[in-house]
Amino acid sequence: PQAGENPERQLSKQESSPVADARDQWSYDESKNLVETQASDGVTYTFRSEKAKSARRVYFSMKVKRFSDIDTVHESFRARFHIYLNWIVTHKEYETYLAHTRDQEERRTTAKWEPKFKPRIEFVNEVQEHYFRSVPYPPMGYYRIIPLRAWLDQKDCGFDCKKTLFCRQKLECDLTFSEQMELRSFPFDCQDFTIAIRESSGTSKALLMPEPRYTDSERQIKSDFFKLDTTFSVLDEWDFYSTMLEVADSSSGASRSKSVYHEITVRFKMMRRWKVYMYNIVVYLIIITFISLTCFALDEEDGDLGERLNLAVTILLTLVAFQHSIFDKLPNIPYLTFIHKYVIISFMFVCAVIAESSLLPFANRVFHGFTFDVLASWLFGLFWLSYNVYFIFRAGWVRHIQRQKLLMDSDEIKSQIDEKYPQFLMSWKSLRMFLTSGNYDDWARQESELEAQEKQKMETTKDKKKSVCVMEFGGAKGDILTFVSYAYSDKKKNKRFVNISVDPVVAVACCVVVVAVAAKIGIPIVKCNKGSRMLTL
């Protein structure tokens, strides 16, 4: 605060700061919602008040036991993990627990006890459920009530953990999740594999908080609320870099009812092992394209032009086979990856060798006395060396850029993704305008004008997530009611590699034309010795 500033204004600034907001939202202090009451078993415990209006704090911990089956083609992965949930029970819930325990001891019931409040856990990006179940605690069932003694100190949480009863639930999960990968930098890419866990009761009923426990009674060693065990994880071509866990509210715009939910987002930051693709694909491509340069050793004057074309076409078919092997490792994506661009340039290089060999007789007739083939061999060799060296340095830079994603959170990643995915929304419309307009033609004209205005506004404004809904009547008698939703998709294009890589092709073509024309009109910039393949520039 500046000198002489109003103290009340300074206080309002502090209260509205992010630190103050975080203190209120993520505080472990539940003293305002707790009461001490004697239970029917004669023991006094601390319970959650029945009159408490604030959301319950559900304390979670998570253990990932296996991470496997990363499928780049189907853009999915599989994870096996346990989720532990703890929350403070009310007095009535504990009394039903005691009554159920007595009934079980007297063999009057075989049913499992369940509390009145239960967290509703769902997985937002789940595509296949192998199993998802609550682990039973015999003989009570899937929930048990216990005091968690190695909890936070009373001055931090507002209650004595030895006298406070928690309800504990354990979920065992083995699921396959979807993950839209950004593959423009393949195979030098880094990816975030995300597990999105949502408590679907809403933020007004439940809030998810990390479990604050200790491993010893002296509260010296903190317990880890998240653990990733990679012992039995099958990662194939991937390496773990780090793991990021975020707890936050969901966006109200993603819900049809504008509801807000509490979500846990676990991001597994992973790097692809690019050396496998370099050794198995790129090295072979470098060798194959280099072999295409041997076509220039077969001279037309010796009658080897047919064998020269046969060799070049064989190399071209080999490149096509390599391209199919790369496509088999990727999904159907509407853009070119980094290695695809390299394969295309190699393909164009071999095609250029074939074109030069095919036009060689014509070039020798036009440029009589000028060894066009020798000049082309030097230019093609220089271009082959240039684009391969560029690819190696460019690959290192792309890998450096991709590694920056490993340190980004959700908001930063959303600002860096290459494509925005809009939502198509449909809302009901009143028929009042249709009834007051007089006839259908006037109403349809008004709707079309409104639709055009909304589309133009949607494309010009910065809010690209907005959608436009149009209501129409169809059929011979207007007996079909149709709703159409339009949305704007914001896409970012990355053409850096293509633009820079195509430039050498244009440069080589220009050099060939300039040198050929200069030799034709007699400008002495090229000198060729007869009977020798030595070219002097």
Protein backbone atom coordinates (compact mmCIF):
# COMPACT_ATOMS: atom_id res chain seq x y z
CA PRO A 1 0.00 0.00 0.00
CA GLN A 2 1.09 3.53 -0.73
CA ALA A 3 1.95 6.01 2.04
CA GLY A 4 -1.04 7.98 3.28
CA GLU A 5 -3.58 5.52 1.86
CA ASN A 6 -6.82 4.92 3.74
CA PRO A 7 -6.44 1.94 6.12
CA GLU A 8 -9.93 0.67 5.23
CA ARG A 9 -8.98 0.63 1.56
CA GLN A 10 -5.79 -1.27 2.42
CA LEU A 11 -7.84 -3.82 4.35
CA SER A 12 -10.28 -4.28 1.47
CA LYS A 13 -7.35 -4.85 -0.88
CA GLN A 14 -5.95 -7.54 1.40
CA GLU A 15 -9.32 -9.24 1.84
CA SER A 16 -9.88 -9.41 -1.92
CA SER A 17 -6.39 -10.68 -2.70
CA PRO A 18 -5.84 -14.22 -4.03
CA VAL A 19 -4.19 -15.18 -0.75
CA ALA A 20 -7.29 -14.23 1.24
CA ASP A 21 -9.59 -16.03 -1.20
CA ALA A 22 -7.46 -19.17 -1.08
CA ARG A 23 -7.40 -19.02 2.73
CA ASP A 24 -11.18 -19.04 2.89
CA GLN A 25 -11.71 -21.69 0.20
CA TRP A 26 -9.03 -24.19 1.13
CA SER A 27 -9.06 -23.91 4.91
CA TYR A 28 -9.16 -27.17 6.91
CA ASP A 29 -10.92 -25.43 9.81
CA GLU A 30 -14.38 -26.98 10.26
CA SER A 31 -15.04 -25.71 13.78
CA LYS A 32 -18.10 -23.67 12.68
CA ASN A 33 -19.90 -26.80 11.45
CA LEU A 34 -19.14 -29.15 14.36
CA VAL A 35 -20.87 -29.92 17.67
CA GLU A 36 -20.00 -32.19 20.59
CA THR A 37 -22.74 -34.66 21.48
CA GLN A 38 -22.95 -37.76 23.63
CA ALA A 39 -23.89 -40.83 21.60
CA SER A 40 -26.08 -43.72 22.73
CA ASP A 41 -22.98 -45.77 23.56
CA GLY A 42 -22.17 -43.25 26.32
CA VAL A 43 -19.16 -41.65 24.61
CA THR A 44 -18.99 -37.97 23.67
CA TYR A 45 -17.86 -37.35 20.12
CA THR A 46 -17.55 -34.42 17.76
CA PHE A 47 -20.07 -34.61 14.91
CA ARG A 48 -21.05 -32.48 11.99
CA SER A 49 -24.00 -30.33 12.94
CA GLU A 50 -27.34 -31.22 11.38
CA LYS A 51 -27.99 -27.50 10.88
CA ALA A 52 -24.73 -26.86 9.03
CA LYS A 53 -25.45 -25.24 5.68
CA SER A 54 -21.98 -25.19 4.20
CA ALA A 55 -20.73 -27.96 1.92
CA ARG A 56 -19.16 -31.05 3.39
CA ARG A 57 -15.43 -31.37 3.10
CA VAL A 58 -14.56 -34.74 1.61
CA TYR A 59 -10.90 -35.54 2.23
CA PHE A 60 -9.38 -37.74 -0.46
CA SER A 61 -6.19 -39.67 -1.06
CA MET A 62 -5.20 -41.58 -4.15
CA LYS A 63 -2.80 -44.38 -5.02
CA VAL A 64 -2.10 -45.19 -8.68
CA LYS A 65 -0.99 -48.82 -8.85
CA ARG A 66 -0.62 -49.28 -12.59
CA PHE A 67 -0.39 -47.01 -15.64
CA SER A 68 -0.38 -48.79 -18.99
CA ASP A 69 -1.84 -49.32 -22.47
CA ILE A 70 -1.00 -45.89 -23.88
CA ASP A 71 -2.52 -46.05 -27.35
CA THR A 72 -1.54 -43.22 -29.68
CA VAL A 73 -3.82 -44.48 -32.47
CA HIS A 74 -6.98 -44.53 -30.34
CA GLU A 75 -5.76 -41.68 -28.10
CA SER A 76 -6.40 -43.47 -24.83
CA PHE A 77 -4.65 -44.96 -21.81
CA ARG A 78 -5.49 -47.27 -18.93
CA ALA A 79 -4.96 -46.76 -15.21
CA ARG A 80 -5.62 -48.81 -12.10
CA PHE A 81 -5.87 -46.90 -8.82
CA HIS A 82 -7.49 -46.63 -5.40
CA ILE A 83 -9.34 -43.58 -4.05
CA TYR A 84 -9.89 -43.15 -0.31
CA LEU A 85 -12.67 -40.77 0.83
CA ASN A 86 -13.18 -39.48 4.38
CA TRP A 87 -15.79 -37.12 5.80
CA ILE A 88 -17.12 -36.25 9.26
CA VAL A 89 -20.46 -37.91 10.04
CA THR A 90 -23.49 -36.43 11.79
CA HIS A 91 -24.95 -37.65 15.07
CA LYS A 92 -27.92 -39.28 13.33
CA GLU A 93 -25.69 -41.16 10.91
CA TYR A 94 -23.65 -42.53 13.80
CA GLU A 95 -26.77 -43.64 15.66
CA THR A 96 -27.97 -45.58 12.59
CA TYR A 97 -24.52 -47.12 12.43
CA LEU A 98 -24.74 -48.27 16.05
CA ALA A 99 -28.25 -49.63 15.55
CA HIS A 100 -27.16 -51.53 12.46
CA THR A 101 -24.20 -52.97 14.37
CA ARG A 102 -26.50 -54.27 17.13
CA ASP A 103 -28.86 -55.80 14.57
CA GLN A 104 -25.95 -57.60 12.90
CA GLU A 105 -24.70 -58.93 16.21
CA GLU A 106 -28.16 -60.26 17.00
CA ARG A 107 -28.43 -61.65 13.42
CA ARG A 108 -31.57 -59.67 12.68
CA THR A 109 -30.25 -58.27 9.40
CA THR A 110 -27.75 -59.12 6.70
CA ALA A 111 -27.96 -55.79 4.88
CA LYS A 112 -24.97 -53.49 4.58
CA TRP A 113 -24.98 -50.14 6.35
CA GLU A 114 -24.84 -46.97 4.27
CA PRO A 115 -24.65 -43.37 5.48
CA LYS A 116 -27.16 -40.73 4.46
CA PHE A 117 -24.50 -38.67 2.72
CA LYS A 118 -22.33 -40.42 0.12
CA PRO A 119 -19.96 -38.73 -2.32
CA ARG A 120 -20.99 -39.20 -5.93
CA ILE A 121 -17.77 -39.83 -7.85
CA GLU A 122 -17.67 -39.92 -11.63
CA PHE A 123 -14.88 -39.85 -14.20
CA VAL A 124 -15.37 -37.23 -16.87
CA ASN A 125 -13.06 -38.63 -19.58
CA GLU A 126 -13.76 -42.34 -19.02
CA VAL A 127 -14.31 -44.43 -22.17
CA GLN A 128 -14.31 -47.97 -20.78
CA GLU A 129 -14.90 -49.35 -17.31
CA HIS A 130 -13.04 -52.57 -16.54
CA TYR A 131 -14.19 -52.41 -12.93
CA PHE A 132 -15.24 -49.69 -10.52
CA ARG A 133 -16.39 -50.77 -7.09
CA SER A 134 -16.29 -50.00 -3.39
CA VAL A 135 -14.02 -52.25 -1.38
CA PRO A 136 -15.96 -53.84 1.52
CA TYR A 137 -14.98 -53.53 5.17
CA PRO A 138 -16.29 -56.77 6.73
CA PRO A 139 -18.67 -57.19 8.39
CA MET A 140 -20.19 -53.68 8.16
CA GLY A 141 -20.16 -53.27 4.37
CA TYR A 142 -18.63 -50.64 2.14
CA TYR A 143 -18.38 -47.88 4.77
CA ARG A 144 -16.86 -47.80 8.22
CA ILE A 145 -16.78 -45.17 10.96
CA ILE A 146 -13.47 -44.63 12.72
CA PRO A 147 -11.51 -41.77 14.33
CA LEU A 148 -8.44 -40.81 12.29
CA ARG A 149 -5.92 -40.20 15.07
CA ALA A 150 -2.96 -39.00 12.97
CA TRP A 151 -4.91 -35.99 11.65
CA LEU A 152 -4.06 -32.31 11.67
CA ASP A 153 -3.45 -30.53 14.95
CA GLN A 154 -6.58 -29.11 16.57
CA LYS A 155 -5.44 -25.51 16.09
CA ASP A 156 -5.38 -26.10 12.30
CA CYS A 157 -8.56 -28.15 11.79
CA GLY A 158 -10.70 -26.90 14.67
CA PHE A 159 -11.44 -30.30 16.30
CA ASP A 160 -9.80 -33.08 18.29
CA CYS A 161 -9.19 -35.90 15.84
CA LYS A 162 -9.29 -38.53 18.62
CA LYS A 163 -12.88 -37.59 19.44
CA THR A 164 -14.11 -36.95 15.90
CA LEU A 165 -15.68 -39.73 13.83
CA PHE A 166 -15.04 -40.06 10.12
CA CYS A 167 -16.81 -42.20 7.57
CA ARG A 168 -14.28 -43.88 5.28
CA GLN A 169 -14.82 -45.35 1.82
CA LYS A 170 -12.34 -47.06 -0.51
CA LEU A 171 -12.92 -47.16 -4.30
CA GLU A 172 -11.03 -49.57 -6.52
CA CYS A 173 -10.87 -48.47 -10.15
CA ASP A 174 -9.53 -49.91 -13.37
CA LEU A 175 -10.57 -47.66 -16.25
CA THR A 176 -9.58 -46.60 -19.74
CA PHE A 177 -9.53 -42.85 -20.33
CA SER A 178 -9.53 -40.77 -23.48
CA GLU A 179 -6.87 -38.13 -24.09
CA GLN A 180 -6.78 -35.91 -27.16
CA MET A 181 -3.12 -35.74 -28.08
CA GLU A 182 -1.36 -32.87 -29.78
CA LEU A 183 0.74 -34.72 -32.37
CA ARG A 184 2.08 -31.92 -34.55
CA SER A 185 5.54 -32.45 -33.01
CA PHE A 186 5.46 -36.28 -33.21
CA PRO A 187 7.76 -38.10 -32.37
CA PHE A 188 9.39 -35.35 -30.29
CA ASP A 189 6.17 -34.54 -28.42
CA CYS A 190 5.37 -34.41 -24.72
CA GLN A 191 1.85 -35.22 -23.58
CA ASP A 192 -0.43 -34.72 -20.58
CA PHE A 193 -2.44 -37.85 -19.77
CA THR A 194 -5.35 -36.67 -17.64
CA ILE A 195 -7.72 -38.33 -15.19
CA ALA A 196 -10.66 -36.00 -14.45
CA ILE A 197 -12.55 -36.97 -11.27
CA ARG A 198 -15.77 -35.12 -10.45
CA GLU A 199 -17.96 -35.01 -7.35
CA SER A 200 -21.35 -34.70 -9.06
CA SER A 201 -23.35 -33.50 -6.03
CA GLY A 202 -22.28 -29.91 -6.69
CA THR A 203 -20.12 -27.46 -4.78
CA SER A 204 -23.06 -26.56 -2.52
CA LYS A 205 -23.02 -30.08 -1.04
CA ALA A 206 -19.44 -31.37 -1.21
CA LEU A 207 -15.90 -30.03 -1.59
CA LEU A 208 -12.88 -32.22 -2.28
CA MET A 209 -9.79 -31.61 -0.15
CA PRO A 210 -6.42 -33.44 0.09
CA GLU A 211 -6.26 -35.74 3.11
CA PRO A 212 -4.09 -34.03 5.82
CA ARG A 213 -2.68 -36.95 7.82
CA TYR A 214 0.59 -37.90 9.46
CA THR A 215 2.30 -41.27 9.56
CA ASP A 216 3.32 -41.00 13.23
CA SER A 217 1.54 -39.97 16.41
CA GLU A 218 4.09 -37.17 17.06
CA ARG A 219 2.99 -35.47 13.78
CA GLN A 220 6.51 -35.21 12.43
CA ILE A 221 6.20 -37.11 9.14
CA LYS A 222 3.46 -36.10 6.73
CA SER A 223 1.52 -38.79 4.91
CA ASP A 224 1.40 -38.58 1.11
CA PHE A 225 -2.18 -38.15 -0.07
CA PHE A 226 -1.11 -39.12 -3.62
CA LYS A 227 1.21 -41.91 -4.68
CA LEU A 228 2.17 -43.19 -8.12
CA ASP A 229 3.80 -46.61 -8.16
CA THR A 230 5.48 -47.29 -11.52
CA THR A 231 6.74 -50.77 -10.59
CA PHE A 232 4.14 -52.60 -12.68
CA SER A 233 3.44 -49.83 -15.17
CA VAL A 234 3.95 -50.68 -18.84
CA LEU A 235 5.03 -47.48 -20.58
CA ASP A 236 6.67 -48.79 -23.79
CA GLU A 237 7.84 -45.65 -25.61
CA TRP A 238 7.12 -43.17 -22.80
CA ASP A 239 8.97 -41.76 -19.80
CA PHE A 240 7.41 -40.15 -16.73
CA TYR A 241 8.53 -36.59 -16.09
CA SER A 242 6.23 -35.46 -13.28
CA THR A 243 2.66 -35.62 -11.99
CA MET A 244 0.41 -32.62 -11.39
CA LEU A 245 -2.80 -32.71 -9.35
CA GLU A 246 -5.30 -29.85 -9.45
CA VAL A 247 -8.43 -29.40 -7.34
CA ALA A 248 -10.81 -26.76 -8.61
CA ASP A 249 -14.38 -25.92 -9.57
CA SER A 250 -15.65 -26.93 -12.98
CA SER A 251 -16.86 -24.39 -15.52
CA SER A 252 -20.54 -23.59 -15.25
CA GLY A 253 -20.73 -23.28 -19.03
CA ALA A 254 -20.00 -27.00 -19.38
CA SER A 255 -23.22 -27.88 -17.53
CA ARG A 256 -26.66 -27.66 -19.10
CA SER A 257 -28.11 -26.43 -15.80
CA LYS A 258 -25.13 -24.07 -15.17
CA SER A 259 -24.16 -26.12 -12.11
CA VAL A 260 -20.65 -26.04 -10.68
CA TYR A 261 -18.90 -29.19 -9.49
CA HIS A 262 -15.69 -29.87 -7.64
CA GLU A 263 -13.12 -31.73 -9.72
CA ILE A 264 -9.77 -33.41 -9.25
CA THR A 265 -7.56 -33.29 -12.33
CA VAL A 266 -4.53 -35.56 -12.28
CA ARG A 267 -2.04 -34.82 -15.06
CA PHE A 268 0.65 -37.36 -15.83
CA LYS A 269 3.40 -35.42 -17.61
CA MET A 270 5.15 -37.78 -20.02
CA MET A 271 7.81 -37.57 -22.72
CA ARG A 272 7.92 -39.77 -25.78
CA ARG A 273 11.13 -41.73 -26.37
CA TRP A 274 12.04 -40.23 -29.72
CA LYS A 275 15.20 -42.28 -30.24
CA VAL A 276 13.12 -45.33 -31.20
CA TYR A 277 11.69 -43.46 -34.20
CA MET A 278 15.02 -41.91 -35.10
CA TYR A 279 16.73 -45.31 -35.28
CA ASN A 280 13.87 -47.22 -36.91
CA ILE A 281 12.57 -44.61 -39.38
CA VAL A 282 14.65 -41.47 -39.80
CA VAL A 283 18.03 -43.20 -40.13
CA TYR A 284 16.63 -45.52 -42.78
CA LEU A 285 15.12 -42.57 -44.65
CA ILE A 286 18.45 -40.76 -44.61
CA ILE A 287 20.19 -43.82 -46.04
CA ILE A 288 17.52 -44.44 -48.68
CA THR A 289 17.51 -40.87 -49.93
CA PHE A 290 21.30 -40.87 -49.99
CA ILE A 291 21.25 -43.99 -52.15
CA SER A 292 19.07 -42.09 -54.63
CA LEU A 293 22.09 -39.84 -55.26
CA THR A 294 23.91 -42.85 -56.73
CA CYS A 295 21.60 -42.50 -59.73
CA PHE A 296 23.91 -39.75 -60.96
CA ALA A 297 26.74 -42.29 -61.27
CA LEU A 298 24.81 -43.99 -64.10
CA ASP A 299 25.60 -41.96 -67.24
CA GLU A 300 23.15 -41.52 -70.09
CA GLU A 301 25.93 -41.72 -72.65
CA ASP A 302 26.71 -45.27 -71.47
CA GLY A 303 23.07 -46.33 -71.98
CA ASP A 304 22.32 -46.60 -68.26
CA LEU A 305 19.35 -44.24 -68.23
CA GLY A 306 16.82 -47.08 -67.94
CA GLU A 307 18.63 -48.64 -64.99
CA ARG A 308 18.92 -45.20 -63.44
CA LEU A 309 15.13 -44.65 -63.58
CA ASN A 310 14.51 -48.18 -62.32
CA LEU A 311 16.70 -47.54 -59.26
CA ALA A 312 15.01 -44.21 -58.49
CA VAL A 313 11.49 -45.66 -58.79
CA THR A 314 12.42 -48.56 -56.49
CA ILE A 315 13.65 -46.10 -53.88
CA LEU A 316 10.41 -44.12 -54.26
CA LEU A 317 8.30 -47.22 -53.58
CA THR A 318 10.40 -47.94 -50.50
CA LEU A 319 9.59 -44.47 -49.18
CA VAL A 320 5.88 -45.10 -49.75
CA ALA A 321 6.12 -48.28 -47.67
CA PHE A 322 7.82 -46.34 -44.88
CA GLN A 323 5.08 -43.74 -44.99
CA HIS A 324 2.43 -46.41 -44.40
CA SER A 325 4.36 -47.72 -41.40
CA ILE A 326 4.27 -44.23 -39.88
CA PHE A 327 0.55 -43.82 -40.57
CA ASP A 328 -0.13 -47.08 -38.71
CA LYS A 329 1.29 -45.54 -35.53
CA LEU A 330 -0.93 -42.43 -35.61
CA PRO A 331 -4.67 -41.72 -35.49
CA ASN A 332 -6.57 -40.13 -38.35
CA ILE A 333 -5.56 -36.54 -37.74
CA PRO A 334 -6.32 -33.56 -40.03
CA TYR A 335 -2.77 -32.18 -39.99
CA LEU A 336 0.80 -33.22 -40.70
CA THR A 337 3.13 -34.25 -37.93
CA PHE A 338 6.79 -33.28 -37.76
CA ILE A 339 7.99 -36.61 -39.12
CA HIS A 340 5.33 -36.59 -41.85
CA LYS A 341 6.78 -33.36 -43.21
CA TYR A 342 10.22 -34.93 -43.25
CA VAL A 343 8.92 -37.97 -45.15
CA ILE A 344 7.14 -35.73 -47.68
CA ILE A 345 10.30 -33.72 -48.32
CA SER A 346 12.26 -36.96 -48.77
CA PHE A 347 9.55 -38.15 -51.15
CA MET A 348 9.76 -34.91 -53.14
CA PHE A 349 13.55 -35.23 -53.22
CA VAL A 350 13.42 -38.68 -54.85
CA CYS A 351 10.70 -37.50 -57.24
CA ALA A 352 12.97 -34.62 -58.25
CA VAL A 353 15.78 -37.13 -58.95
CA ILE A 354 13.39 -39.11 -61.17
CA ALA A 355 12.27 -35.94 -62.94
CA GLU A 356 15.88 -34.89 -63.55
CA SER A 357 16.74 -38.32 -64.95
CA SER A 358 13.69 -38.29 -67.21
CA LEU A 359 14.46 -34.83 -68.60
CA LEU A 360 18.19 -35.46 -68.94
CA PRO A 361 18.14 -36.29 -72.70
CA PHE A 362 16.11 -33.17 -73.42
CA ALA A 363 18.42 -31.01 -71.25
CA ASN A 364 21.51 -32.34 -73.04
CA ARG A 365 20.03 -31.40 -76.39
CA VAL A 366 19.04 -27.91 -75.25
CA PHE A 367 22.28 -27.18 -73.38
CA HIS A 368 24.68 -28.72 -75.88
CA GLY A 369 28.21 -28.88 -74.57
CA PHE A 370 27.13 -28.22 -70.99
CA THR A 371 27.25 -31.10 -68.48
CA PHE A 372 23.88 -30.45 -66.91
CA ASP A 373 23.91 -33.77 -65.04
CA VAL A 374 27.09 -32.88 -63.16
CA LEU A 375 25.67 -29.60 -61.93
CA ALA A 376 22.44 -31.32 -60.88
CA SER A 377 24.36 -33.97 -58.91
CA TRP A 378 26.16 -31.29 -56.90
CA LEU A 379 22.97 -29.31 -56.27
CA PHE A 380 20.99 -32.39 -55.23
CA GLY A 381 23.77 -33.50 -52.90
CA LEU A 382 23.94 -30.06 -51.32
CA PHE A 383 20.18 -29.97 -50.84
CA TRP A 384 20.15 -33.50 -49.32
CA LEU A 385 22.77 -32.45 -46.79
CA SER A 386 21.01 -29.16 -46.02
CA TYR A 387 17.54 -30.48 -45.27
CA ASN A 388 18.82 -33.40 -43.18
CA VAL A 389 21.00 -31.11 -41.06
CA TYR A 390 18.07 -28.72 -40.72
CA PHE A 391 15.81 -31.58 -39.63
CA ILE A 392 18.23 -32.61 -36.87
CA PHE A 393 18.57 -29.09 -35.46
CA ARG A 394 14.87 -28.40 -35.86
CA ALA A 395 14.01 -31.62 -34.02
CA GLY A 396 16.11 -30.51 -31.05
CA TRP A 397 14.34 -27.15 -30.94
CA VAL A 398 10.89 -28.74 -31.18
CA ARG A 399 11.77 -31.06 -28.31
CA HIS A 400 12.87 -28.05 -26.26
CA ILE A 401 9.54 -26.29 -26.93
CA GLN A 402 7.57 -29.41 -26.08
CA ARG A 403 9.34 -29.83 -22.75
CA GLN A 404 7.90 -26.48 -21.66
CA LYS A 405 4.46 -28.14 -21.59
CA LEU A 406 5.69 -30.36 -18.76
CA LEU A 407 5.65 -27.36 -16.40
CA MET A 408 2.24 -25.94 -17.43
CA ASP A 409 -1.00 -26.19 -15.50
CA SER A 410 -4.50 -26.48 -17.01
CA ASP A 411 -4.97 -22.79 -17.81
CA GLU A 412 -1.57 -22.50 -19.47
CA ILE A 413 -2.13 -25.63 -21.55
CA LYS A 414 -5.53 -24.37 -22.76
CA SER A 415 -3.88 -21.22 -24.05
CA GLN A 416 -1.28 -23.28 -25.95
CA ILE A 417 -3.43 -25.96 -27.58
CA ASP A 418 -3.72 -25.87 -31.34
CA GLU A 419 -7.49 -26.15 -31.64
CA LYS A 420 -10.43 -24.89 -29.60
CA TYR A 421 -13.45 -27.17 -29.32
CA PRO A 422 -16.76 -25.29 -29.11
CA GLN A 423 -20.02 -26.38 -27.53
CA PHE A 424 -23.20 -26.69 -29.56
CA LEU A 425 -26.07 -25.53 -27.38
CA MET A 426 -29.83 -25.54 -28.05
CA SER A 427 -32.29 -23.48 -26.04
CA TRP A 428 -36.06 -23.26 -26.31
CA LYS A 429 -37.68 -20.22 -27.87
CA SER A 430 -41.00 -18.52 -27.28
CA LEU A 431 -43.68 -18.62 -29.98
CA ARG A 432 -44.85 -15.12 -29.03
CA MET A 433 -42.88 -13.49 -31.85
CA PHE A 434 -44.27 -16.03 -34.32
CA LEU A 435 -47.84 -15.31 -33.24
CA THR A 436 -47.44 -11.54 -33.25
CA SER A 437 -45.67 -11.34 -36.63
CA GLY A 438 -48.87 -12.24 -38.53
CA ASN A 439 -47.60 -14.90 -40.92
CA TYR A 440 -44.85 -17.43 -41.25
CA ASP A 441 -42.88 -15.58 -43.96
CA ASP A 442 -42.40 -12.47 -41.83
CA TRP A 443 -41.36 -14.55 -38.84
CA ALA A 444 -38.90 -16.62 -40.94
CA ARG A 445 -37.38 -13.42 -42.38
CA GLN A 446 -36.92 -11.98 -38.88
CA GLU A 447 -35.31 -15.21 -37.71
CA SER A 448 -32.89 -15.32 -40.67
CA GLU A 449 -31.83 -11.71 -40.07
CA LEU A 450 -31.31 -12.43 -36.38
CA GLU A 451 -29.31 -15.55 -37.25
CA ALA A 452 -27.03 -13.59 -39.62
CA GLN A 453 -26.45 -10.91 -36.98
CA GLU A 454 -25.60 -13.47 -34.30
CA LYS A 455 -23.20 -15.32 -36.62
CA GLN A 456 -21.39 -12.12 -37.53
CA LYS A 457 -21.18 -11.11 -33.90
CA MET A 458 -19.88 -14.54 -32.92
CA GLU A 459 -17.09 -14.46 -35.51
CA THR A 460 -15.97 -10.90 -34.72
CA THR A 461 -16.02 -11.03 -30.93
CA LYS A 462 -13.24 -12.56 -28.84
CA ASP A 463 -15.62 -15.03 -27.18
CA LYS A 464 -15.27 -18.00 -29.50
CA LYS A 465 -17.26 -20.39 -27.27
CA LYS A 466 -20.59 -18.73 -27.93
CA SER A 467 -23.14 -20.63 -30.03
CA VAL A 468 -26.24 -19.59 -31.99
CA CYS A 469 -29.49 -21.54 -31.89
CA VAL A 470 -32.11 -21.26 -34.66
CA MET A 471 -35.68 -22.62 -34.52
CA GLU A 472 -37.42 -23.58 -37.75
CA PHE A 473 -40.69 -25.20 -38.83
CA GLY A 474 -40.57 -27.85 -41.54
CA GLY A 475 -42.84 -30.30 -43.29
CA ALA A 476 -45.78 -29.64 -45.58
CA LYS A 477 -47.91 -28.29 -42.74
CA GLY A 478 -45.20 -27.11 -40.41
CA ASP A 479 -45.49 -30.29 -38.35
CA ILE A 480 -41.70 -30.66 -37.91
CA LEU A 481 -39.99 -28.49 -35.30
CA THR A 482 -36.25 -28.17 -35.95
CA PHE A 483 -33.52 -26.64 -33.80
CA VAL A 484 -30.10 -25.90 -35.32
CA SER A 485 -27.01 -24.89 -33.33
CA TYR A 486 -23.98 -23.09 -34.80
CA ALA A 487 -20.65 -22.59 -33.05
CA TYR A 488 -17.31 -21.05 -33.93
CA SER A 489 -14.19 -23.22 -33.98
CA ASP A 490 -10.95 -21.34 -33.43
CA LYS A 491 -7.96 -23.10 -34.98
CA LYS A 492 -4.27 -22.29 -34.89
CA LYS A 493 -2.08 -23.30 -37.78
CA ASN A 494 1.58 -24.14 -37.48
CA LYS A 495 3.37 -23.92 -40.81
CA ARG A 496 6.86 -23.07 -39.62
CA PHE A 497 8.46 -26.35 -40.59
CA VAL A 498 6.81 -26.52 -44.03
CA ASN A 499 7.64 -22.94 -44.98
CA ILE A 500 11.28 -23.18 -43.97
CA SER A 501 11.68 -26.63 -45.49
CA VAL A 502 10.18 -25.72 -48.87
CA ASP A 503 12.44 -22.67 -49.22
CA PRO A 504 15.55 -24.75 -50.10
CA VAL A 505 13.57 -26.49 -52.86
CA VAL A 506 12.70 -23.14 -54.42
CA ALA A 507 16.30 -21.97 -53.99
CA VAL A 508 17.70 -25.03 -55.75
CA ALA A 509 15.22 -24.66 -58.62
CA CYS A 510 16.17 -20.99 -59.03
CA CYS A 511 19.88 -21.85 -59.02
CA VAL A 512 19.37 -24.47 -61.74
CA VAL A 513 17.44 -22.04 -63.94
CA VAL A 514 19.93 -19.19 -63.47
CA VAL A 515 22.96 -21.35 -64.15
CA ALA A 516 21.36 -22.95 -67.21
CA VAL A 517 20.32 -19.63 -68.73
CA ALA A 518 23.71 -18.10 -67.99
CA ALA A 519 25.48 -20.97 -69.71
CA LYS A 520 23.16 -20.72 -72.70
CA ILE A 521 23.85 -17.03 -73.31
CA GLY A 522 27.56 -17.42 -72.63
CA ILE A 523 28.11 -15.79 -69.25
CA PRO A 524 31.30 -17.46 -67.90
CA ILE A 525 30.18 -18.42 -64.41
CA VAL A 526 30.50 -22.17 -64.97
CA LYS A 527 33.47 -24.05 -66.38
CA CYS A 528 33.45 -27.77 -67.21
CA ASN A 529 36.53 -29.67 -68.32
CA LYS A 530 35.98 -32.08 -71.20
CA GLY A 531 36.42 -35.74 -70.36
CA SER A 532 36.16 -35.01 -66.67
CA ARG A 533 33.31 -34.90 -64.14
CA MET A 534 34.94 -32.02 -62.28
CA LEU A 535 32.78 -28.91 -62.00
CA THR A 536 34.34 -25.54 -61.21
CA LEU A 537 32.21 -22.68 -60.00
